[in-house]
Amino acid sequence: MLDQVEPTDAVITNGINVTEYEEIVEAVRDERALAKFEFRATNAWQGGGYNLTTIADFYGAGEEHGADGRRFSVAADEPPVLLGTDSAPNPVEFLLHALAACLTSSIVYKAAVNGIRIESIESYFEGDLDALRFLELSDEGRFGYQEIRAIFRVVADAPSDKLVEFAEFSPILDVVRNGVPVTIDIIRA
């Protein structure tokens, strides 16, 4: 188990407790199983393009987390042009959010542990998607994004190539670039 403590002499950079980060790295170095995580989500269709995902418990650092009432609900919908009610972002927009958040966090964390202070980070994302395959009007191309562009405006005392190097640690970037096996089981009710 990794206990989170706030020592009085902790080094805090970019809002990250670097002292604790280094302690976590040492603990995982000694017990590699602490690096294993399992995140979970449940989803329920509400009608039309609207559905609701609940995120609560997860396993990580050798134990279950979330029994204390951790619970988040995230809605997804489609815009009217895609026959939704536009009451929430659609799933491909959430992918841009996940990528933006993870790239930003990766830059902030890696900069912190490298002693680089960041004053601000803003980013802009856009992705190109062609619906022909989804609409079964073509057997070519992808169902999802063909390309995603991320533009960052960063105020920090570090060269851009170093910040790009930090972004490469993003788990979501890895999933988007390299894919991940996904199994789908249907249980009939």
Foldseek 3Di string as FASTA:
>chain_A
DQDDDDDPPFDAALNDRLVSVVVVVVVCVVPVQQADKAFDKDKDADDAQKIKIKGAWIDHRHGIDRPVPGIDIAMAWDPVVSPTPPPHHHPLVVLVVLLVVQLVVLLRVVCVNVVKHWPDKDKDKDFDADCCVVVVVDPDDDNDTPDMDMDMDTDIPDDPVVSVVSSVVGPSVCCVVPNDDDDDDDDDD
